[in-house]
Amino acid sequence: FQQSKGPPEGYSYPLCTTCGRRHPGECRGAAGTCFKCGQTGHLQKDCKKNTATSTSSQADKNPGASGRVFAITEDHA
């Protein structure tokens, strides 16, 4: 088992105390700026650049995915 010396992949930016996201530079959330398009006056959830695919749930993105659960009792362990 090896430990990396840097931050985990995808977490290279500091955690913003204003919006709770990880991003570089000034917080867009503090200015009421959309994280998707960068314009003021609306938030990402209300952005006109959203499409049906970008707002769908995680389950819709991979409808063929399935999972399995295995239970092991003390007798079978």
N, C-alpha and C. Protein backbone atom coordinates (compact mmCIF):
# COMPACT_ATOMS: atom_id res chain seq x y z
N PHE A 1 0.85 -1.19 0.00
CA PHE A 1 0.00 0.00 0.00
C PHE A 1 0.88 1.23 0.00
N GLN A 2 0.69 2.10 -0.99
CA GLN A 2 1.48 3.33 -1.07
C GLN A 2 0.59 4.54 -0.84
N GLN A 3 1.12 5.50 -0.12
CA GLN A 3 0.39 6.74 0.10
C GLN A 3 0.95 7.81 -0.81
N SER A 4 0.07 8.57 -1.44
CA SER A 4 0.54 9.66 -2.28
C SER A 4 0.90 10.86 -1.42
N LYS A 5 1.82 11.65 -1.89
CA LYS A 5 2.28 12.79 -1.12
C LYS A 5 1.44 14.04 -1.38
N GLY A 6 0.75 14.10 -2.51
CA GLY A 6 -0.06 15.25 -2.85
C GLY A 6 -1.52 15.03 -2.47
N PRO A 7 -2.36 16.00 -2.79
CA PRO A 7 -3.78 15.83 -2.51
C PRO A 7 -4.38 14.76 -3.43
N PRO A 8 -5.50 14.13 -3.04
CA PRO A 8 -6.12 13.12 -3.88
C PRO A 8 -6.48 13.71 -5.25
N GLU A 9 -6.50 12.86 -6.26
CA GLU A 9 -6.80 13.32 -7.62
C GLU A 9 -8.17 13.99 -7.64
N GLY A 10 -8.25 15.14 -8.28
CA GLY A 10 -9.50 15.87 -8.34
C GLY A 10 -9.70 16.84 -7.20
N TYR A 11 -8.79 16.83 -6.23
CA TYR A 11 -8.93 17.71 -5.07
C TYR A 11 -7.73 18.64 -4.96
N SER A 12 -7.26 19.14 -6.09
CA SER A 12 -6.08 19.98 -6.07
C SER A 12 -6.40 21.42 -5.66
N TYR A 13 -7.65 21.83 -5.73
CA TYR A 13 -8.03 23.18 -5.34
C TYR A 13 -8.48 23.20 -3.88
N PRO A 14 -8.29 24.33 -3.22
CA PRO A 14 -8.71 24.41 -1.82
C PRO A 14 -10.24 24.44 -1.70
N LEU A 15 -10.73 24.01 -0.56
CA LEU A 15 -12.16 24.02 -0.29
C LEU A 15 -12.58 25.44 0.05
N CYS A 16 -13.54 25.98 -0.68
CA CYS A 16 -14.01 27.35 -0.50
C CYS A 16 -14.89 27.43 0.74
N THR A 17 -14.63 28.40 1.59
CA THR A 17 -15.43 28.57 2.80
C THR A 17 -16.76 29.26 2.50
N THR A 18 -16.91 29.85 1.33
CA THR A 18 -18.15 30.54 0.98
C THR A 18 -19.19 29.59 0.40
N CYS A 19 -18.78 28.79 -0.58
CA CYS A 19 -19.75 27.93 -1.28
C CYS A 19 -19.59 26.44 -0.96
N GLY A 20 -18.46 26.05 -0.38
CA GLY A 20 -18.24 24.65 -0.05
C GLY A 20 -17.70 23.81 -1.20
N ARG A 21 -17.42 24.43 -2.33
CA ARG A 21 -16.85 23.72 -3.48
C ARG A 21 -15.35 23.89 -3.51
N ARG A 22 -14.70 23.11 -4.36
CA ARG A 22 -13.26 23.25 -4.58
C ARG A 22 -13.06 23.95 -5.91
N HIS A 23 -12.42 25.11 -5.89
CA HIS A 23 -12.19 25.86 -7.12
C HIS A 23 -11.05 26.84 -6.92
N PRO A 24 -10.42 27.27 -8.02
CA PRO A 24 -9.35 28.26 -7.92
C PRO A 24 -9.92 29.67 -7.90
N GLY A 25 -9.16 30.58 -7.37
CA GLY A 25 -9.50 32.00 -7.46
C GLY A 25 -10.72 32.42 -6.67
N GLU A 26 -11.30 33.53 -7.12
CA GLU A 26 -12.43 34.14 -6.44
C GLU A 26 -13.69 33.28 -6.58
N CYS A 27 -14.50 33.26 -5.54
CA CYS A 27 -15.71 32.45 -5.52
C CYS A 27 -16.82 33.09 -6.35
N ARG A 28 -17.32 32.37 -7.34
CA ARG A 28 -18.44 32.86 -8.14
C ARG A 28 -19.73 32.84 -7.33
N GLY A 29 -19.83 31.90 -6.40
CA GLY A 29 -21.03 31.79 -5.58
C GLY A 29 -21.26 33.02 -4.73
N ALA A 30 -20.19 33.65 -4.26
CA ALA A 30 -20.32 34.84 -3.43
C ALA A 30 -20.90 36.00 -4.24
N ALA A 31 -20.61 36.04 -5.53
CA ALA A 31 -21.09 37.13 -6.38
C ALA A 31 -22.43 36.77 -7.04
N GLY A 32 -22.96 35.57 -6.77
CA GLY A 32 -24.20 35.15 -7.41
C GLY A 32 -24.02 34.83 -8.88
N THR A 33 -22.84 34.34 -9.22
CA THR A 33 -22.52 34.02 -10.61
C THR A 33 -22.72 32.54 -10.87
N CYS A 34 -23.21 32.21 -12.05
CA CYS A 34 -23.45 30.83 -12.44
C CYS A 34 -22.13 30.08 -12.58
N PHE A 35 -22.03 28.88 -11.99
CA PHE A 35 -20.82 28.07 -12.09
C PHE A 35 -20.69 27.46 -13.48
N LYS A 36 -21.78 27.33 -14.23
CA LYS A 36 -21.73 26.69 -15.55
C LYS A 36 -21.29 27.65 -16.65
N CYS A 37 -21.91 28.83 -16.72
CA CYS A 37 -21.61 29.75 -17.82
C CYS A 37 -20.84 30.99 -17.39
N GLY A 38 -20.78 31.27 -16.09
CA GLY A 38 -20.02 32.42 -15.60
C GLY A 38 -20.78 33.73 -15.60
N GLN A 39 -22.04 33.73 -16.01
CA GLN A 39 -22.82 34.96 -16.04
C GLN A 39 -23.51 35.20 -14.70
N THR A 40 -23.76 36.47 -14.40
CA THR A 40 -24.47 36.81 -13.17
C THR A 40 -25.96 36.82 -13.43
N GLY A 41 -26.73 36.79 -12.36
CA GLY A 41 -28.19 36.87 -12.48
C GLY A 41 -28.90 35.55 -12.31
N HIS A 42 -28.18 34.45 -12.34
CA HIS A 42 -28.80 33.14 -12.12
C HIS A 42 -27.75 32.17 -11.59
N LEU A 43 -28.22 31.04 -11.08
CA LEU A 43 -27.32 30.00 -10.58
C LEU A 43 -27.27 28.84 -11.56
N GLN A 44 -26.37 27.91 -11.33
CA GLN A 44 -26.17 26.79 -12.25
C GLN A 44 -27.46 26.00 -12.47
N LYS A 45 -28.23 25.77 -11.42
CA LYS A 45 -29.45 24.97 -11.56
C LYS A 45 -30.48 25.63 -12.47
N ASP A 46 -30.40 26.96 -12.62
CA ASP A 46 -31.33 27.70 -13.46
C ASP A 46 -30.70 28.12 -14.80
N CYS A 47 -29.51 27.64 -15.09
CA CYS A 47 -28.77 28.07 -16.29
C CYS A 47 -29.46 27.57 -17.56
N LYS A 48 -29.54 28.44 -18.55
CA LYS A 48 -30.16 28.09 -19.83
C LYS A 48 -29.28 27.14 -20.63
N LYS A 49 -28.01 27.00 -20.25
CA LYS A 49 -27.12 26.09 -20.95
C LYS A 49 -27.30 24.64 -20.51
N ASN A 50 -28.13 24.42 -19.50
CA ASN A 50 -28.40 23.06 -19.06
C ASN A 50 -29.19 22.34 -20.14
N THR A 51 -28.88 21.09 -20.34
CA THR A 51 -29.62 20.26 -21.29
C THR A 51 -30.25 19.12 -20.53
N ALA A 52 -31.08 18.38 -21.19
CA ALA A 52 -31.75 17.25 -20.55
C ALA A 52 -30.74 16.23 -20.06
N THR A 53 -29.64 16.04 -20.78
CA THR A 53 -28.65 15.05 -20.37
C THR A 53 -27.80 15.54 -19.21
N SER A 54 -27.54 16.84 -19.14
CA SER A 54 -26.68 17.33 -18.07
C SER A 54 -27.41 17.45 -16.75
N THR A 55 -28.76 17.49 -16.77
CA THR A 55 -29.50 17.61 -15.53
C THR A 55 -30.11 16.28 -15.09
N SER A 56 -29.89 15.22 -15.86
CA SER A 56 -30.45 13.93 -15.49
C SER A 56 -29.73 13.36 -14.29
N SER A 57 -30.40 12.44 -13.64
CA SER A 57 -29.80 11.84 -12.45
C SER A 57 -28.70 10.87 -12.83
N GLN A 58 -27.91 10.47 -11.88
CA GLN A 58 -26.80 9.56 -12.13
C GLN A 58 -27.30 8.22 -12.66
N ALA A 59 -28.45 7.76 -12.19
CA ALA A 59 -28.99 6.48 -12.64
C ALA A 59 -29.38 6.53 -14.12
N ASP A 60 -29.82 7.68 -14.60
CA ASP A 60 -30.20 7.80 -16.00
C ASP A 60 -29.00 7.73 -16.93
N LYS A 61 -27.83 8.09 -16.45
CA LYS A 61 -26.64 8.11 -17.28
C LYS A 61 -26.16 6.71 -17.63
N ASN A 62 -26.44 5.73 -16.81
CA ASN A 62 -26.03 4.37 -17.07
C ASN A 62 -27.18 3.43 -16.71
N PRO A 63 -28.22 3.36 -17.54
CA PRO A 63 -29.40 2.58 -17.19
C PRO A 63 -29.15 1.08 -17.13
N GLY A 64 -28.07 0.58 -17.72
CA GLY A 64 -27.79 -0.84 -17.71
C GLY A 64 -27.03 -1.30 -16.48
N ALA A 65 -26.67 -0.39 -15.61
CA ALA A 65 -25.89 -0.74 -14.43
C ALA A 65 -26.76 -1.50 -13.43
N SER A 66 -26.16 -2.48 -12.80
CA SER A 66 -26.86 -3.22 -11.75
C SER A 66 -25.85 -3.58 -10.68
N GLY A 67 -26.36 -3.93 -9.53
CA GLY A 67 -25.48 -4.29 -8.43
C GLY A 67 -25.93 -5.58 -7.80
N ARG A 68 -25.08 -6.14 -6.98
CA ARG A 68 -25.40 -7.38 -6.27
C ARG A 68 -25.03 -7.22 -4.82
N VAL A 69 -25.77 -7.90 -3.99
CA VAL A 69 -25.50 -7.90 -2.56
C VAL A 69 -25.35 -9.35 -2.13
N PHE A 70 -24.30 -9.63 -1.40
CA PHE A 70 -24.07 -10.97 -0.89
C PHE A 70 -24.07 -10.92 0.63
N ALA A 71 -24.83 -11.81 1.23
CA ALA A 71 -24.86 -11.89 2.68
C ALA A 71 -24.21 -13.20 3.11
N ILE A 72 -23.29 -13.13 4.03
CA ILE A 72 -22.62 -14.32 4.53
C ILE A 72 -23.02 -14.49 5.99
N THR A 73 -23.60 -15.63 6.27
CA THR A 73 -23.97 -15.92 7.66
C THR A 73 -22.79 -16.54 8.38
N GLU A 74 -22.89 -16.62 9.64
CA GLU A 74 -21.81 -17.19 10.45
C GLU A 74 -21.56 -18.65 10.08
N ASP A 75 -22.62 -19.38 9.72
CA ASP A 75 -22.49 -20.79 9.35
C ASP A 75 -21.71 -20.97 8.05
N HIS A 76 -21.79 -20.01 7.13
CA HIS A 76 -21.13 -20.13 5.83
C HIS A 76 -19.77 -19.46 5.77
N ALA A 77 -19.38 -18.77 6.81
CA ALA A 77 -18.11 -18.04 6.79
C ALA A 77 -16.93 -18.94 7.00
